[in-house]
Amino acid sequence: MRHAASFHFEKGCFKSKSVRLEKIISKWHVPSGRIYLFFRKLRDLVKMLTVTIRGLIQSEESGVPSVILTSSDDVLLISIGVAEAASIQMALEGKKLPRPMTHDLIENLLSGLHATLRSVTIYKIQNSTFYAYLSVEQRNDQDDVIQELRIDARPSDGIAIAVRVGCPVYVAEDVMKQAGLRADFFFGQLDLNQKVEEENNIFFIEDFDLDMFDDEDDDDEDDDEGGFR
């Protein structure tokens, strides 16, 4: 079932901020490489939430699209560019253009290099901008792992690739606490109830002209921001 959706939220609906482990660690003095590695391992212990990509909605006021990520009783909205939104929507709908778009090209490159995107992690929000990284594993012809890479990325690009390859998307629990919405509030604003949310319906933006993105360059490189516009 498809749902066309738009939204408007008040500032008070966002959850209160909490102290981030990453912020604390960044202030500590690291005297040696060994302790630095220890702190990096400590950062990796920050709890991550597995989220479901529920589709896209578009702001009534600004027309800015946002991707919907859900986890249990929480919803995270990330405002993204139109081109990235179209790319995500096409992948969710299983549509293919005659020539590969950027995220299709990245998928092909990973395959050609015997590399696998294991996960996409949205690990922090700073100044209303979300930060993410790709966890990539590369193997040789004997199927042995030869390197593991953590690659900086915008969440929108990471999600667009994740939908194509079918890898999990994680959000740091603290990010969800800072920028998340209550699911009952969010779906109530869309005139939907919790029962519909649990059926994992995907939301699409109906007025997207997806063909316009074929062989077009997008010069708008905005960062992915919180869905407060």
C-alpha atoms as a PDB file:
ATOM      1  CA  MET A   1       0.000   0.000   0.000  1.00  0.00           C
ATOM      2  CA  ARG A   2       1.324   3.433  -0.963  1.00  0.00           C
ATOM      3  CA  HIS A   3       0.810   6.511   1.144  1.00  0.00           C
ATOM      4  CA  ALA A   4       1.420  10.053  -0.082  1.00  0.00           C
ATOM      5  CA  ALA A   5       2.565  12.005   2.947  1.00  0.00           C
ATOM      6  CA  SER A   6       3.411  15.529   4.029  1.00  0.00           C
ATOM      7  CA  PHE A   7       4.127  16.863   7.477  1.00  0.00           C
ATOM      8  CA  HIS A   8       4.443  19.823   9.816  1.00  0.00           C
ATOM      9  CA  PHE A   9       5.886  19.482  13.327  1.00  0.00           C
ATOM     10  CA  GLU A  10       6.298  21.823  16.236  1.00  0.00           C
ATOM     11  CA  LYS A  11       9.687  22.187  17.905  1.00  0.00           C
ATOM     12  CA  GLY A  12       8.406  20.831  21.211  1.00  0.00           C
ATOM     13  CA  CYS A  13       7.795  17.372  19.814  1.00  0.00           C
ATOM     14  CA  PHE A  14      11.487  16.488  19.679  1.00  0.00           C
ATOM     15  CA  LYS A  15      12.991  14.583  22.567  1.00  0.00           C
ATOM     16  CA  SER A  16      15.431  16.217  24.977  1.00  0.00           C
ATOM     17  CA  LYS A  17      19.152  16.035  24.330  1.00  0.00           C
ATOM     18  CA  SER A  18      21.483  13.739  26.222  1.00  0.00           C
ATOM     19  CA  VAL A  19      25.242  13.794  26.817  1.00  0.00           C
ATOM     20  CA  ARG A  20      27.106  11.952  24.111  1.00  0.00           C
ATOM     21  CA  LEU A  21      29.942   9.574  24.919  1.00  0.00           C
ATOM     22  CA  GLU A  22      31.688  10.794  21.791  1.00  0.00           C
ATOM     23  CA  LYS A  23      31.699  14.390  23.064  1.00  0.00           C
ATOM     24  CA  ILE A  24      33.196  13.328  26.374  1.00  0.00           C
ATOM     25  CA  ILE A  25      35.915  11.218  24.744  1.00  0.00           C
ATOM     26  CA  SER A  26      36.891  14.020  22.350  1.00  0.00           C
ATOM     27  CA  LYS A  27      37.898  16.196  25.314  1.00  0.00           C
ATOM     28  CA  TRP A  28      40.216  13.596  26.857  1.00  0.00           C
ATOM     29  CA  HIS A  29      43.960  13.835  26.249  1.00  0.00           C
ATOM     30  CA  VAL A  30      45.264  10.794  24.371  1.00  0.00           C
ATOM     31  CA  PRO A  31      48.999  10.352  25.131  1.00  0.00           C
ATOM     32  CA  SER A  32      49.744   7.344  22.932  1.00  0.00           C
ATOM     33  CA  GLY A  33      48.548   5.393  19.914  1.00  0.00           C
ATOM     34  CA  ARG A  34      47.656   2.418  22.102  1.00  0.00           C
ATOM     35  CA  ILE A  35      45.321   4.455  24.301  1.00  0.00           C
ATOM     36  CA  TYR A  36      43.865   6.062  21.195  1.00  0.00           C
ATOM     37  CA  LEU A  37      42.946   2.611  19.869  1.00  0.00           C
ATOM     38  CA  PHE A  38      41.422   1.799  23.242  1.00  0.00           C
ATOM     39  CA  PHE A  39      39.216   4.880  23.051  1.00  0.00           C
ATOM     40  CA  ARG A  40      38.179   4.000  19.506  1.00  0.00           C
ATOM     41  CA  LYS A  41      37.071   0.588  20.711  1.00  0.00           C
ATOM     42  CA  LEU A  42      35.219   2.318  23.535  1.00  0.00           C
ATOM     43  CA  ARG A  43      33.380   4.493  21.023  1.00  0.00           C
ATOM     44  CA  ASP A  44      32.328   1.380  19.141  1.00  0.00           C
ATOM     45  CA  LEU A  45      30.513   0.222  22.273  1.00  0.00           C
ATOM     46  CA  VAL A  46      27.959   3.026  21.899  1.00  0.00           C
ATOM     47  CA  LYS A  47      24.604   1.323  21.486  1.00  0.00           C
ATOM     48  CA  MET A  48      23.296   1.225  17.930  1.00  0.00           C
ATOM     49  CA  LEU A  49      19.667   0.806  16.902  1.00  0.00           C
ATOM     50  CA  THR A  50      18.702  -1.114  13.787  1.00  0.00           C
ATOM     51  CA  VAL A  51      16.304   1.043  11.787  1.00  0.00           C
ATOM     52  CA  THR A  52      13.861   0.328   8.987  1.00  0.00           C
ATOM     53  CA  ILE A  53      13.757   2.572   5.918  1.00  0.00           C
ATOM     54  CA  ARG A  54      10.086   3.454   5.716  1.00  0.00           C
ATOM     55  CA  GLY A  55      10.236   5.738   2.687  1.00  0.00           C
ATOM     56  CA  LEU A  56       9.971   9.477   2.177  1.00  0.00           C
ATOM     57  CA  ILE A  57       7.756  12.420   2.996  1.00  0.00           C
ATOM     58  CA  GLN A  58       7.825  16.030   1.863  1.00  0.00           C
ATOM     59  CA  SER A  59       7.411  19.180   3.932  1.00  0.00           C
ATOM     60  CA  GLU A  60       4.257  21.143   3.127  1.00  0.00           C
ATOM     61  CA  GLU A  61       6.026  24.439   3.859  1.00  0.00           C
ATOM     62  CA  SER A  62       9.403  24.078   2.139  1.00  0.00           C
ATOM     63  CA  GLY A  63       8.951  21.129  -0.191  1.00  0.00           C
ATOM     64  CA  VAL A  64      12.108  19.555   1.274  1.00  0.00           C
ATOM     65  CA  PRO A  65      11.987  15.732   1.246  1.00  0.00           C
ATOM     66  CA  SER A  66      12.925  13.682   4.308  1.00  0.00           C
ATOM     67  CA  VAL A  67      13.724  10.011   4.646  1.00  0.00           C
ATOM     68  CA  ILE A  68      11.806   8.111   7.367  1.00  0.00           C
ATOM     69  CA  LEU A  69      13.737   5.726   9.628  1.00  0.00           C
ATOM     70  CA  THR A  70      11.900   3.783  12.329  1.00  0.00           C
ATOM     71  CA  SER A  71      13.024   1.750  15.317  1.00  0.00           C
ATOM     72  CA  SER A  72      10.530   0.342  17.806  1.00  0.00           C
ATOM     73  CA  ASP A  73       8.543   3.332  19.125  1.00  0.00           C
ATOM     74  CA  ASP A  74      10.803   5.986  17.571  1.00  0.00           C
ATOM     75  CA  VAL A  75      10.986   7.728  14.207  1.00  0.00           C
ATOM     76  CA  LEU A  76      13.964   9.642  12.817  1.00  0.00           C
ATOM     77  CA  LEU A  77      13.502  12.115   9.955  1.00  0.00           C
ATOM     78  CA  ILE A  78      16.504  13.319   7.954  1.00  0.00           C
ATOM     79  CA  SER A  79      16.035  16.124   5.438  1.00  0.00           C
ATOM     80  CA  ILE A  80      17.857  15.267   2.211  1.00  0.00           C
ATOM     81  CA  GLY A  81      18.345  16.562  -1.323  1.00  0.00           C
ATOM     82  CA  VAL A  82      15.783  15.961  -4.051  1.00  0.00           C
ATOM     83  CA  ALA A  83      18.181  13.878  -6.163  1.00  0.00           C
ATOM     84  CA  GLU A  84      19.035  11.617  -3.219  1.00  0.00           C
ATOM     85  CA  ALA A  85      15.354  11.285  -2.332  1.00  0.00           C
ATOM     86  CA  ALA A  86      14.539  10.287  -5.906  1.00  0.00           C
ATOM     87  CA  SER A  87      17.358   7.741  -5.861  1.00  0.00           C
ATOM     88  CA  ILE A  88      16.085   6.202  -2.612  1.00  0.00           C
ATOM     89  CA  GLN A  89      12.506   6.129  -3.865  1.00  0.00           C
ATOM     90  CA  MET A  90      13.468   4.471  -7.147  1.00  0.00           C
ATOM     91  CA  ALA A  91      15.378   1.762  -5.266  1.00  0.00           C
ATOM     92  CA  LEU A  92      12.461   1.179  -2.881  1.00  0.00           C
ATOM     93  CA  GLU A  93      10.100   0.864  -5.835  1.00  0.00           C
ATOM     94  CA  GLY A  94      12.507  -1.400  -7.719  1.00  0.00           C
ATOM     95  CA  LYS A  95      12.767   0.972 -10.662  1.00  0.00           C
ATOM     96  CA  LYS A  96      15.821   1.113 -12.945  1.00  0.00           C
ATOM     97  CA  LEU A  97      16.873   3.829 -15.374  1.00  0.00           C
ATOM     98  CA  PRO A  98      18.465   2.904 -18.722  1.00  0.00           C
ATOM     99  CA  ARG A  99      21.860   4.153 -17.489  1.00  0.00           C
ATOM    100  CA  PRO A 100      23.221   3.827 -13.929  1.00  0.00           C
ATOM    101  CA  MET A 101      22.781   6.703 -11.516  1.00  0.00           C
ATOM    102  CA  THR A 102      25.537   7.565  -9.035  1.00  0.00           C
ATOM    103  CA  HIS A 103      24.384   5.103  -6.383  1.00  0.00           C
ATOM    104  CA  ASP A 104      23.981   2.360  -8.985  1.00  0.00           C
ATOM    105  CA  LEU A 105      27.550   3.093 -10.095  1.00  0.00           C
ATOM    106  CA  ILE A 106      28.810   2.760  -6.507  1.00  0.00           C
ATOM    107  CA  GLU A 107      27.018  -0.583  -6.200  1.00  0.00           C
ATOM    108  CA  ASN A 108      28.692  -1.753  -9.414  1.00  0.00           C
ATOM    109  CA  LEU A 109      32.117  -0.558  -8.216  1.00  0.00           C
ATOM    110  CA  LEU A 110      31.756  -2.451  -4.940  1.00  0.00           C
ATOM    111  CA  SER A 111      30.881  -5.604  -6.826  1.00  0.00           C
ATOM    112  CA  GLY A 112      33.775  -5.194  -9.266  1.00  0.00           C
ATOM    113  CA  LEU A 113      36.254  -4.706  -6.415  1.00  0.00           C
ATOM    114  CA  HIS A 114      34.988  -7.799  -4.547  1.00  0.00           C
ATOM    115  CA  ALA A 115      33.769  -5.487  -1.788  1.00  0.00           C
ATOM    116  CA  THR A 116      30.596  -5.711   0.273  1.00  0.00           C
ATOM    117  CA  LEU A 117      28.768  -2.920   2.061  1.00  0.00           C
ATOM    118  CA  ARG A 118      28.114  -4.502   5.454  1.00  0.00           C
ATOM    119  CA  SER A 119      26.226  -1.626   7.053  1.00  0.00           C
ATOM    120  CA  VAL A 120      25.502   2.092   7.117  1.00  0.00           C
ATOM    121  CA  THR A 121      25.797   3.791  10.503  1.00  0.00           C
ATOM    122  CA  ILE A 122      24.411   7.228  11.399  1.00  0.00           C
ATOM    123  CA  TYR A 123      26.587   7.947  14.406  1.00  0.00           C
ATOM    124  CA  LYS A 124      26.177  11.612  15.339  1.00  0.00           C
ATOM    125  CA  ILE A 125      24.282  14.844  14.818  1.00  0.00           C
ATOM    126  CA  GLN A 126      26.078  18.158  15.079  1.00  0.00           C
ATOM    127  CA  ASN A 127      24.674  21.601  14.282  1.00  0.00           C
ATOM    128  CA  SER A 128      21.525  19.921  12.888  1.00  0.00           C
ATOM    129  CA  THR A 129      23.639  17.888  10.427  1.00  0.00           C
ATOM    130  CA  PHE A 130      23.736  14.083  10.549  1.00  0.00           C
ATOM    131  CA  TYR A 131      26.987  12.164  10.044  1.00  0.00           C
ATOM    132  CA  ALA A 132      27.327   8.600   8.801  1.00  0.00           C
ATOM    133  CA  TYR A 133      29.888   6.069   7.671  1.00  0.00           C
ATOM    134  CA  LEU A 134      29.872   2.996   5.452  1.00  0.00           C
ATOM    135  CA  SER A 135      31.359  -0.263   6.733  1.00  0.00           C
ATOM    136  CA  VAL A 136      32.917  -1.960   3.709  1.00  0.00           C
ATOM    137  CA  GLU A 137      34.611  -5.347   3.583  1.00  0.00           C
ATOM    138  CA  GLN A 138      36.860  -6.335   0.691  1.00  0.00           C
ATOM    139  CA  ARG A 139      37.860  -9.934  -0.153  1.00  0.00           C
ATOM    140  CA  ASN A 140      40.398 -11.531  -2.490  1.00  0.00           C
ATOM    141  CA  ASP A 141      39.826 -14.284  -5.057  1.00  0.00           C
ATOM    142  CA  GLN A 142      40.137 -16.890  -2.282  1.00  0.00           C
ATOM    143  CA  ASP A 143      37.292 -15.160  -0.432  1.00  0.00           C
ATOM    144  CA  ASP A 144      39.608 -14.065   2.385  1.00  0.00           C
ATOM    145  CA  VAL A 145      38.975 -10.644   3.923  1.00  0.00           C
ATOM    146  CA  ILE A 146      41.885  -8.404   2.933  1.00  0.00           C
ATOM    147  CA  GLN A 147      40.665  -5.131   4.410  1.00  0.00           C
ATOM    148  CA  GLU A 148      37.818  -3.518   6.287  1.00  0.00           C
ATOM    149  CA  LEU A 149      37.061   0.120   5.573  1.00  0.00           C
ATOM    150  CA  ARG A 150      35.049   2.771   7.375  1.00  0.00           C
ATOM    151  CA  ILE A 151      34.142   5.437   4.829  1.00  0.00           C
ATOM    152  CA  ASP A 152      32.663   8.834   5.702  1.00  0.00           C
ATOM    153  CA  ALA A 153      29.352   9.485   3.940  1.00  0.00           C
ATOM    154  CA  ARG A 154      26.202  11.533   4.021  1.00  0.00           C
ATOM    155  CA  PRO A 155      23.305   9.494   5.432  1.00  0.00           C
ATOM    156  CA  SER A 156      21.274  10.037   2.256  1.00  0.00           C
ATOM    157  CA  ASP A 157      23.984   8.496   0.051  1.00  0.00           C
ATOM    158  CA  GLY A 158      24.513   5.659   2.497  1.00  0.00           C
ATOM    159  CA  ILE A 159      20.787   4.900   2.640  1.00  0.00           C
ATOM    160  CA  ALA A 160      20.465   5.033  -1.162  1.00  0.00           C
ATOM    161  CA  ILE A 161      23.214   2.410  -1.475  1.00  0.00           C
ATOM    162  CA  ALA A 162      21.884   0.347   1.459  1.00  0.00           C
ATOM    163  CA  VAL A 163      18.471   0.005  -0.206  1.00  0.00           C
ATOM    164  CA  ARG A 164      20.177  -1.317  -3.328  1.00  0.00           C
ATOM    165  CA  VAL A 165      22.442  -3.875  -1.653  1.00  0.00           C
ATOM    166  CA  GLY A 166      20.116  -4.825   1.203  1.00  0.00           C
ATOM    167  CA  CYS A 167      22.482  -4.095   4.092  1.00  0.00           C
ATOM    168  CA  PRO A 168      21.329  -2.938   7.551  1.00  0.00           C
ATOM    169  CA  VAL A 169      21.194   0.704   8.622  1.00  0.00           C
ATOM    170  CA  TYR A 170      22.063   1.620  12.210  1.00  0.00           C
ATOM    171  CA  VAL A 171      21.463   4.799  14.195  1.00  0.00           C
ATOM    172  CA  ALA A 172      23.306   5.604  17.419  1.00  0.00           C
ATOM    173  CA  GLU A 173      20.905   5.489  20.341  1.00  0.00           C
ATOM    174  CA  ASP A 174      21.982   8.966  21.398  1.00  0.00           C
ATOM    175  CA  VAL A 175      21.184  10.359  17.946  1.00  0.00           C
ATOM    176  CA  MET A 176      17.700   8.911  18.214  1.00  0.00           C
ATOM    177  CA  LYS A 177      17.295  10.414  21.677  1.00  0.00           C
ATOM    178  CA  GLN A 178      18.338  13.861  20.427  1.00  0.00           C
ATOM    179  CA  ALA A 179      16.517  14.038  17.100  1.00  0.00           C
ATOM    180  CA  GLY A 180      13.901  11.278  17.166  1.00  0.00           C
ATOM    181  CA  LEU A 181      10.139  11.588  17.307  1.00  0.00           C
ATOM    182  CA  ARG A 182       7.608   9.438  19.089  1.00  0.00           C
ATOM    183  CA  ALA A 183       6.108   7.039  16.552  1.00  0.00           C
ATOM    184  CA  ASP A 184       2.568   7.558  17.801  1.00  0.00           C
ATOM    185  CA  PHE A 185       2.956  11.337  17.426  1.00  0.00           C
ATOM    186  CA  PHE A 186       4.509  11.071  13.964  1.00  0.00           C
ATOM    187  CA  PHE A 187       1.977   8.676  12.484  1.00  0.00           C
ATOM    188  CA  GLY A 188      -0.811  10.601  14.182  1.00  0.00           C
ATOM    189  CA  GLN A 189       0.278  13.686  12.238  1.00  0.00           C
ATOM    190  CA  LEU A 190      -0.075  11.630   9.062  1.00  0.00           C
ATOM    191  CA  ASP A 191      -3.594  10.538  10.083  1.00  0.00           C
ATOM    192  CA  LEU A 192      -2.379   6.955  10.446  1.00  0.00           C
ATOM    193  CA  ASN A 193      -2.605   4.715  13.490  1.00  0.00           C
ATOM    194  CA  GLN A 194      -0.011   2.491  15.111  1.00  0.00           C
ATOM    195  CA  LYS A 195      -1.504  -0.615  13.505  1.00  0.00           C
ATOM    196  CA  VAL A 196      -0.729   0.717  10.042  1.00  0.00           C
ATOM    197  CA  GLU A 197       2.841   1.545  11.139  1.00  0.00           C
ATOM    198  CA  GLU A 198       3.424  -2.030  12.279  1.00  0.00           C
ATOM    199  CA  GLU A 199       2.443  -3.361   8.843  1.00  0.00           C
ATOM    200  CA  ASN A 200       5.664  -1.843   7.412  1.00  0.00           C
ATOM    201  CA  ASN A 201       3.994   0.103   4.633  1.00  0.00           C
ATOM    202  CA  ILE A 202       6.364   2.259   2.591  1.00  0.00           C
ATOM    203  CA  PHE A 203       5.699   5.979   2.110  1.00  0.00           C
ATOM    204  CA  PHE A 204       6.391   7.592  -1.267  1.00  0.00           C
ATOM    205  CA  ILE A 205       6.316  11.115  -2.665  1.00  0.00           C
ATOM    206  CA  GLU A 206       3.773  10.853  -5.460  1.00  0.00           C
ATOM    207  CA  ASP A 207       4.723  13.923  -7.478  1.00  0.00           C
ATOM    208  CA  PHE A 208       8.338  12.926  -8.168  1.00  0.00           C
ATOM    209  CA  ASP A 209       9.214  12.974 -11.868  1.00  0.00           C
ATOM    210  CA  LEU A 210      11.898  10.299 -11.592  1.00  0.00           C
ATOM    211  CA  ASP A 211      12.771  10.387 -15.288  1.00  0.00           C
ATOM    212  CA  MET A 212      14.181  13.898 -14.918  1.00  0.00           C
ATOM    213  CA  PHE A 213      17.142  12.458 -13.018  1.00  0.00           C
ATOM    214  CA  ASP A 214      18.308  10.298 -15.898  1.00  0.00           C
ATOM    215  CA  ASP A 215      21.705  11.569 -17.161  1.00  0.00           C
ATOM    216  CA  GLU A 216      21.372  14.800 -15.182  1.00  0.00           C
ATOM    217  CA  ASP A 217      24.061  16.284 -12.954  1.00  0.00           C
ATOM    218  CA  ASP A 218      22.975  17.535  -9.536  1.00  0.00           C
ATOM    219  CA  ASP A 219      24.993  20.508  -8.307  1.00  0.00           C
ATOM    220  CA  ASP A 220      23.058  20.821  -5.053  1.00  0.00           C
ATOM    221  CA  GLU A 221      25.343  19.215  -2.453  1.00  0.00           C
ATOM    222  CA  ASP A 222      23.499  20.161   0.732  1.00  0.00           C
ATOM    223  CA  ASP A 223      24.351  18.276   3.894  1.00  0.00           C
ATOM    224  CA  ASP A 224      21.738  15.964   5.354  1.00  0.00           C
ATOM    225  CA  GLU A 225      19.949  17.839   8.108  1.00  0.00           C
ATOM    226  CA  GLY A 226      17.417  17.185  10.814  1.00  0.00           C
ATOM    227  CA  GLY A 227      13.804  17.039   9.685  1.00  0.00           C
ATOM    228  CA  PHE A 228      12.786  20.296  11.321  1.00  0.00           C
ATOM    229  CA  ARG A 229      12.257  22.501   8.254  1.00  0.00           C
END
